[in-house]
Amino acid sequence: MAWFDEVSGLGVTGEQAQKAWRTPMGFASPLWFAFGAAASAGVAYWWMTRWTKTVNVEALAGLVEAPLASLVEPEPVAVVEPVAEVAPEPVLAVAPEPIVVEAAPVVAAPAPEKAKPVKAVKAAPPAPDDLTRMNGIGPKLSESLAARGVTRFAHIAAWTADDLAEIDKALSLKGRAVREAWVAQAKRFAHAS
C-alpha cells in the first residue's frame, strides 16, 4: 500500500512511514544533543570572557573621590619680553704703573663686544598623556577628547559631575565615564606620573 505525498508528488510505502515514526524524536532526538552541546559551548565561552575582562574596582566599590585640592596644577610660565639693545658705555682702561725699571708701553684693554638681546623663551607645553591607558578609553575616544582640549590625566581628574554629564552628552558615552570611574582612574594615573 502506498501513500501519496501531495507536496512532492512521491509515493510513500507503509514500510517507509513506519520507519520514519520509529526514528528518535523529542527528547531522544540527536538534534537536541547537538543543540545542547552548542548552547553549553556558548555559555562556557561567555563565562570565560567575563572572567578575563578587566574590572574597575573603584566603580564597583563606589569609593569617595579624593578632594580636588590634592591635584597638582602646573604653574603658569612668565613670558620674558626682549630687552631693548643698549649701547655699552666706553670703558677707559688705566694701566697700573709698572714696577720695572725700564719704561714699558701702556696697553689699553680691548673694547667689550655689544651685548646681544635676550630672546623670550616659551616653555614647551607638556606632552599629552596616553589616555588609552585608562579602562574604557580607546584611540578614537582619546582623539575626541583631545579635540575638546582634554589631553592629560589631570584634566579628567578635575572633572565635576556637570563636566561628566556634558562630556557624556557631547560624545554619546551613555554613562560610560561614570560607570567606569574615569575620574578615579585619572587621579590614580595623575598621581603616579
C-alpha atoms as a PDB file:
ATOM      1  CA  MET A   1       0.000   0.000   0.000  1.00  0.00           C
ATOM      2  CA  ALA A   2       1.440   3.382  -0.994  1.00  0.00           C
ATOM      3  CA  TRP A   3       0.517   6.777   0.357  1.00  0.00           C
ATOM      4  CA  PHE A   4       0.710   9.700  -1.979  1.00  0.00           C
ATOM      5  CA  ASP A   5       2.585  12.797  -0.886  1.00  0.00           C
ATOM      6  CA  GLU A   6       0.750  15.790  -2.354  1.00  0.00           C
ATOM      7  CA  VAL A   7       3.631  18.243  -1.941  1.00  0.00           C
ATOM      8  CA  SER A   8       6.433  16.321  -3.563  1.00  0.00           C
ATOM      9  CA  GLY A   9       4.311  14.073  -5.734  1.00  0.00           C
ATOM     10  CA  LEU A  10       6.194  10.999  -4.478  1.00  0.00           C
ATOM     11  CA  GLY A  11       4.569   7.900  -3.136  1.00  0.00           C
ATOM     12  CA  VAL A  12       5.484   6.662   0.346  1.00  0.00           C
ATOM     13  CA  THR A  13       5.182   2.992   1.201  1.00  0.00           C
ATOM     14  CA  GLY A  14       3.883   1.793   4.553  1.00  0.00           C
ATOM     15  CA  GLU A  15       7.306   0.433   5.469  1.00  0.00           C
ATOM     16  CA  GLN A  16       8.897   3.864   4.928  1.00  0.00           C
ATOM     17  CA  ALA A  17       6.207   5.550   7.019  1.00  0.00           C
ATOM     18  CA  GLN A  18       6.714   3.112   9.913  1.00  0.00           C
ATOM     19  CA  LYS A  19      10.474   3.601   9.730  1.00  0.00           C
ATOM     20  CA  ALA A  20      10.006   7.392   9.878  1.00  0.00           C
ATOM     21  CA  TRP A  21       7.848   7.040  13.005  1.00  0.00           C
ATOM     22  CA  ARG A  22      10.435   4.815  14.682  1.00  0.00           C
ATOM     23  CA  THR A  23      13.303   7.324  14.349  1.00  0.00           C
ATOM     24  CA  PRO A  24      14.054   9.022  17.686  1.00  0.00           C
ATOM     25  CA  MET A  25      12.008  12.163  18.214  1.00  0.00           C
ATOM     26  CA  GLY A  26      11.509  14.598  21.044  1.00  0.00           C
ATOM     27  CA  PHE A  27      13.862  14.293  23.995  1.00  0.00           C
ATOM     28  CA  ALA A  28      15.904  11.469  22.470  1.00  0.00           C
ATOM     29  CA  SER A  29      16.446  13.218  19.107  1.00  0.00           C
ATOM     30  CA  PRO A  30      20.093  13.664  18.112  1.00  0.00           C
ATOM     31  CA  LEU A  31      19.299  17.270  17.183  1.00  0.00           C
ATOM     32  CA  TRP A  32      18.574  18.047  20.840  1.00  0.00           C
ATOM     33  CA  PHE A  33      22.003  16.735  21.787  1.00  0.00           C
ATOM     34  CA  ALA A  34      23.636  18.926  19.113  1.00  0.00           C
ATOM     35  CA  PHE A  35      21.654  21.948  20.317  1.00  0.00           C
ATOM     36  CA  GLY A  36      22.610  21.230  23.943  1.00  0.00           C
ATOM     37  CA  ALA A  37      26.289  20.969  23.022  1.00  0.00           C
ATOM     38  CA  ALA A  38      26.188  24.269  21.125  1.00  0.00           C
ATOM     39  CA  ALA A  39      24.367  26.025  23.971  1.00  0.00           C
ATOM     40  CA  SER A  40      26.832  24.663  26.542  1.00  0.00           C
ATOM     41  CA  ALA A  41      29.772  25.834  24.437  1.00  0.00           C
ATOM     42  CA  GLY A  42      28.199  29.302  24.166  1.00  0.00           C
ATOM     43  CA  VAL A  43      27.667  29.550  27.920  1.00  0.00           C
ATOM     44  CA  ALA A  44      31.213  28.358  28.616  1.00  0.00           C
ATOM     45  CA  TYR A  45      32.624  30.948  26.186  1.00  0.00           C
ATOM     46  CA  TRP A  46      30.551  33.721  27.794  1.00  0.00           C
ATOM     47  CA  TRP A  47      31.795  32.871  31.296  1.00  0.00           C
ATOM     48  CA  MET A  48      35.393  32.590  30.147  1.00  0.00           C
ATOM     49  CA  THR A  49      35.297  36.034  28.530  1.00  0.00           C
ATOM     50  CA  ARG A  50      33.544  37.520  31.581  1.00  0.00           C
ATOM     51  CA  TRP A  51      36.249  36.301  33.945  1.00  0.00           C
ATOM     52  CA  THR A  52      39.092  37.593  31.798  1.00  0.00           C
ATOM     53  CA  LYS A  53      37.579  41.061  31.340  1.00  0.00           C
ATOM     54  CA  THR A  54      39.208  43.810  33.413  1.00  0.00           C
ATOM     55  CA  VAL A  55      37.044  45.116  36.220  1.00  0.00           C
ATOM     56  CA  ASN A  56      37.231  48.650  37.540  1.00  0.00           C
ATOM     57  CA  VAL A  57      37.191  48.156  41.293  1.00  0.00           C
ATOM     58  CA  GLU A  58      36.679  51.874  42.028  1.00  0.00           C
ATOM     59  CA  ALA A  59      33.459  51.907  40.015  1.00  0.00           C
ATOM     60  CA  LEU A  60      32.132  48.769  41.695  1.00  0.00           C
ATOM     61  CA  ALA A  61      33.032  49.895  45.203  1.00  0.00           C
ATOM     62  CA  GLY A  62      31.718  53.439  44.688  1.00  0.00           C
ATOM     63  CA  LEU A  63      34.680  54.927  46.517  1.00  0.00           C
ATOM     64  CA  VAL A  64      34.556  58.526  47.658  1.00  0.00           C
ATOM     65  CA  GLU A  65      36.614  60.712  45.388  1.00  0.00           C
ATOM     66  CA  ALA A  66      39.725  62.424  46.780  1.00  0.00           C
ATOM     67  CA  PRO A  67      39.475  66.202  47.221  1.00  0.00           C
ATOM     68  CA  LEU A  68      40.437  68.219  44.188  1.00  0.00           C
ATOM     69  CA  ALA A  69      42.895  70.286  46.241  1.00  0.00           C
ATOM     70  CA  SER A  70      45.321  67.354  46.208  1.00  0.00           C
ATOM     71  CA  LEU A  71      45.838  67.743  42.452  1.00  0.00           C
ATOM     72  CA  VAL A  72      48.979  69.494  41.368  1.00  0.00           C
ATOM     73  CA  GLU A  73      48.244  72.127  38.760  1.00  0.00           C
ATOM     74  CA  PRO A  74      51.128  73.359  36.627  1.00  0.00           C
ATOM     75  CA  GLU A  75      52.114  76.922  37.414  1.00  0.00           C
ATOM     76  CA  PRO A  76      51.869  79.431  34.574  1.00  0.00           C
ATOM     77  CA  VAL A  77      55.167  80.331  32.971  1.00  0.00           C
ATOM     78  CA  ALA A  78      56.035  84.017  32.819  1.00  0.00           C
ATOM     79  CA  VAL A  79      56.970  85.246  29.357  1.00  0.00           C
ATOM     80  CA  VAL A  80      60.081  87.385  29.298  1.00  0.00           C
ATOM     81  CA  GLU A  81      59.924  90.195  26.764  1.00  0.00           C
ATOM     82  CA  PRO A  82      63.051  91.030  24.780  1.00  0.00           C
ATOM     83  CA  VAL A  83      65.201  93.760  26.245  1.00  0.00           C
ATOM     84  CA  ALA A  84      65.969  96.757  24.050  1.00  0.00           C
ATOM     85  CA  GLU A  85      69.555  96.862  22.856  1.00  0.00           C
ATOM     86  CA  VAL A  86      71.595  99.258  24.953  1.00  0.00           C
ATOM     87  CA  ALA A  87      74.872 100.620  23.688  1.00  0.00           C
ATOM     88  CA  PRO A  88      77.594  99.955  26.217  1.00  0.00           C
ATOM     89  CA  GLU A  89      79.445 102.903  27.644  1.00  0.00           C
ATOM     90  CA  PRO A  90      83.067 103.141  26.578  1.00  0.00           C
ATOM     91  CA  VAL A  91      85.403 101.824  29.206  1.00  0.00           C
ATOM     92  CA  LEU A  92      88.624 103.629  29.777  1.00  0.00           C
ATOM     93  CA  ALA A  93      91.322 101.364  30.978  1.00  0.00           C
ATOM     94  CA  VAL A  94      94.069 102.748  33.110  1.00  0.00           C
ATOM     95  CA  ALA A  95      97.103 100.580  33.365  1.00  0.00           C
ATOM     96  CA  PRO A  96      98.907 100.490  36.676  1.00  0.00           C
ATOM     97  CA  GLU A  97     102.396 101.764  36.723  1.00  0.00           C
ATOM     98  CA  PRO A  98     104.880  99.042  36.087  1.00  0.00           C
ATOM     99  CA  ILE A  99     107.418  98.299  38.748  1.00  0.00           C
ATOM    100  CA  VAL A 100     110.035  97.582  36.143  1.00  0.00           C
ATOM    101  CA  VAL A 101     112.958  99.873  35.912  1.00  0.00           C
ATOM    102  CA  GLU A 102     112.555 100.182  32.205  1.00  0.00           C
ATOM    103  CA  ALA A 103     109.555 102.040  30.979  1.00  0.00           C
ATOM    104  CA  ALA A 104     107.011  99.712  29.399  1.00  0.00           C
ATOM    105  CA  PRO A 105     104.428 100.875  26.938  1.00  0.00           C
ATOM    106  CA  VAL A 106     100.887 101.277  28.310  1.00  0.00           C
ATOM    107  CA  VAL A 107      98.381  98.960  26.589  1.00  0.00           C
ATOM    108  CA  ALA A 108      94.647  99.708  26.669  1.00  0.00           C
ATOM    109  CA  ALA A 109      92.149  96.887  27.221  1.00  0.00           C
ATOM    110  CA  PRO A 110      90.076  95.865  24.188  1.00  0.00           C
ATOM    111  CA  ALA A 111      86.565  97.309  23.979  1.00  0.00           C
ATOM    112  CA  PRO A 112      83.856  94.844  25.063  1.00  0.00           C
ATOM    113  CA  GLU A 113      81.507  93.409  22.429  1.00  0.00           C
ATOM    114  CA  LYS A 114      77.927  94.581  22.212  1.00  0.00           C
ATOM    115  CA  ALA A 115      75.507  92.665  24.401  1.00  0.00           C
ATOM    116  CA  LYS A 116      73.013  90.519  22.480  1.00  0.00           C
ATOM    117  CA  PRO A 117      69.338  90.956  23.359  1.00  0.00           C
ATOM    118  CA  VAL A 118      67.694  88.200  25.393  1.00  0.00           C
ATOM    119  CA  LYS A 119      65.017  86.410  23.428  1.00  0.00           C
ATOM    120  CA  ALA A 120      61.791  85.303  25.080  1.00  0.00           C
ATOM    121  CA  VAL A 121      61.839  81.604  25.775  1.00  0.00           C
ATOM    122  CA  LYS A 122      58.443  79.994  25.734  1.00  0.00           C
ATOM    123  CA  ALA A 123      58.070  76.856  27.786  1.00  0.00           C
ATOM    124  CA  ALA A 124      57.095  73.898  25.661  1.00  0.00           C
ATOM    125  CA  PRO A 125      53.640  72.621  26.526  1.00  0.00           C
ATOM    126  CA  PRO A 126      53.760  69.357  28.454  1.00  0.00           C
ATOM    127  CA  ALA A 127      53.464  66.242  26.350  1.00  0.00           C
ATOM    128  CA  PRO A 128      49.937  64.811  26.376  1.00  0.00           C
ATOM    129  CA  ASP A 129      49.293  61.736  28.495  1.00  0.00           C
ATOM    130  CA  ASP A 130      48.350  58.409  26.924  1.00  0.00           C
ATOM    131  CA  LEU A 131      44.653  58.413  27.842  1.00  0.00           C
ATOM    132  CA  THR A 132      44.211  54.953  26.310  1.00  0.00           C
ATOM    133  CA  ARG A 133      45.843  53.534  29.460  1.00  0.00           C
ATOM    134  CA  MET A 134      42.521  54.175  31.204  1.00  0.00           C
ATOM    135  CA  ASN A 135      39.870  51.471  31.158  1.00  0.00           C
ATOM    136  CA  GLY A 136      37.170  52.434  28.644  1.00  0.00           C
ATOM    137  CA  ILE A 137      39.148  54.912  26.516  1.00  0.00           C
ATOM    138  CA  GLY A 138      40.316  53.728  23.131  1.00  0.00           C
ATOM    139  CA  PRO A 139      42.214  55.535  20.378  1.00  0.00           C
ATOM    140  CA  LYS A 140      39.097  57.084  18.779  1.00  0.00           C
ATOM    141  CA  LEU A 141      37.736  58.324  22.111  1.00  0.00           C
ATOM    142  CA  SER A 142      41.181  59.659  23.020  1.00  0.00           C
ATOM    143  CA  GLU A 143      41.203  61.680  19.783  1.00  0.00           C
ATOM    144  CA  SER A 144      37.708  63.015  20.521  1.00  0.00           C
ATOM    145  CA  LEU A 145      38.793  64.100  23.998  1.00  0.00           C
ATOM    146  CA  ALA A 146      41.953  65.725  22.595  1.00  0.00           C
ATOM    147  CA  ALA A 147      39.796  67.700  20.169  1.00  0.00           C
ATOM    148  CA  ARG A 148      37.975  69.080  23.234  1.00  0.00           C
ATOM    149  CA  GLY A 149      41.302  70.003  24.888  1.00  0.00           C
ATOM    150  CA  VAL A 150      41.456  67.017  27.269  1.00  0.00           C
ATOM    151  CA  THR A 151      44.960  65.591  26.878  1.00  0.00           C
ATOM    152  CA  ARG A 152      46.159  64.975  30.447  1.00  0.00           C
ATOM    153  CA  PHE A 153      45.021  62.781  33.311  1.00  0.00           C
ATOM    154  CA  ALA A 154      44.851  65.906  35.499  1.00  0.00           C
ATOM    155  CA  HIS A 155      42.171  67.348  33.183  1.00  0.00           C
ATOM    156  CA  ILE A 156      39.907  64.327  33.666  1.00  0.00           C
ATOM    157  CA  ALA A 157      40.692  64.126  37.401  1.00  0.00           C
ATOM    158  CA  ALA A 158      39.420  67.698  37.824  1.00  0.00           C
ATOM    159  CA  TRP A 159      36.019  66.963  36.214  1.00  0.00           C
ATOM    160  CA  THR A 160      32.894  67.641  38.240  1.00  0.00           C
ATOM    161  CA  ALA A 161      29.549  65.884  37.882  1.00  0.00           C
ATOM    162  CA  ASP A 162      28.427  68.634  35.492  1.00  0.00           C
ATOM    163  CA  ASP A 163      31.564  68.170  33.376  1.00  0.00           C
ATOM    164  CA  LEU A 164      30.947  64.414  33.241  1.00  0.00           C
ATOM    165  CA  ALA A 165      27.345  64.970  32.124  1.00  0.00           C
ATOM    166  CA  GLU A 166      28.451  67.445  29.442  1.00  0.00           C
ATOM    167  CA  ILE A 167      31.156  65.130  28.029  1.00  0.00           C
ATOM    168  CA  ASP A 168      28.769  62.152  28.245  1.00  0.00           C
ATOM    169  CA  LYS A 169      26.157  64.001  26.213  1.00  0.00           C
ATOM    170  CA  ALA A 170      28.619  65.506  23.703  1.00  0.00           C
ATOM    171  CA  LEU A 171      30.409  62.209  22.936  1.00  0.00           C
ATOM    172  CA  SER A 172      27.348  59.894  23.362  1.00  0.00           C
ATOM    173  CA  LEU A 173      29.085  57.819  26.051  1.00  0.00           C
ATOM    174  CA  LYS A 174      25.794  56.580  27.577  1.00  0.00           C
ATOM    175  CA  GLY A 175      27.143  56.835  31.134  1.00  0.00           C
ATOM    176  CA  ARG A 176      30.429  55.038  30.419  1.00  0.00           C
ATOM    177  CA  ALA A 177      32.573  57.697  32.129  1.00  0.00           C
ATOM    178  CA  VAL A 178      30.660  57.344  35.407  1.00  0.00           C
ATOM    179  CA  ARG A 179      30.261  53.571  35.148  1.00  0.00           C
ATOM    180  CA  GLU A 180      33.997  53.029  34.630  1.00  0.00           C
ATOM    181  CA  ALA A 181      35.033  55.739  37.126  1.00  0.00           C
ATOM    182  CA  TRP A 182      37.214  57.759  34.776  1.00  0.00           C
ATOM    183  CA  VAL A 183      37.758  60.475  37.386  1.00  0.00           C
ATOM    184  CA  ALA A 184      39.105  57.992  39.949  1.00  0.00           C
ATOM    185  CA  GLN A 185      41.295  56.304  37.329  1.00  0.00           C
ATOM    186  CA  ALA A 186      42.644  59.655  36.127  1.00  0.00           C
ATOM    187  CA  LYS A 187      43.507  60.684  39.694  1.00  0.00           C
ATOM    188  CA  ARG A 188      45.419  57.445  40.181  1.00  0.00           C
ATOM    189  CA  PHE A 189      47.343  57.913  36.912  1.00  0.00           C
ATOM    190  CA  ALA A 190      47.977  61.630  37.589  1.00  0.00           C
ATOM    191  CA  HIS A 191      49.500  60.872  40.990  1.00  0.00           C
ATOM    192  CA  ALA A 192      51.593  58.032  39.557  1.00  0.00           C
ATOM    193  CA  SER A 193      53.243  60.243  36.936  1.00  0.00           C
END
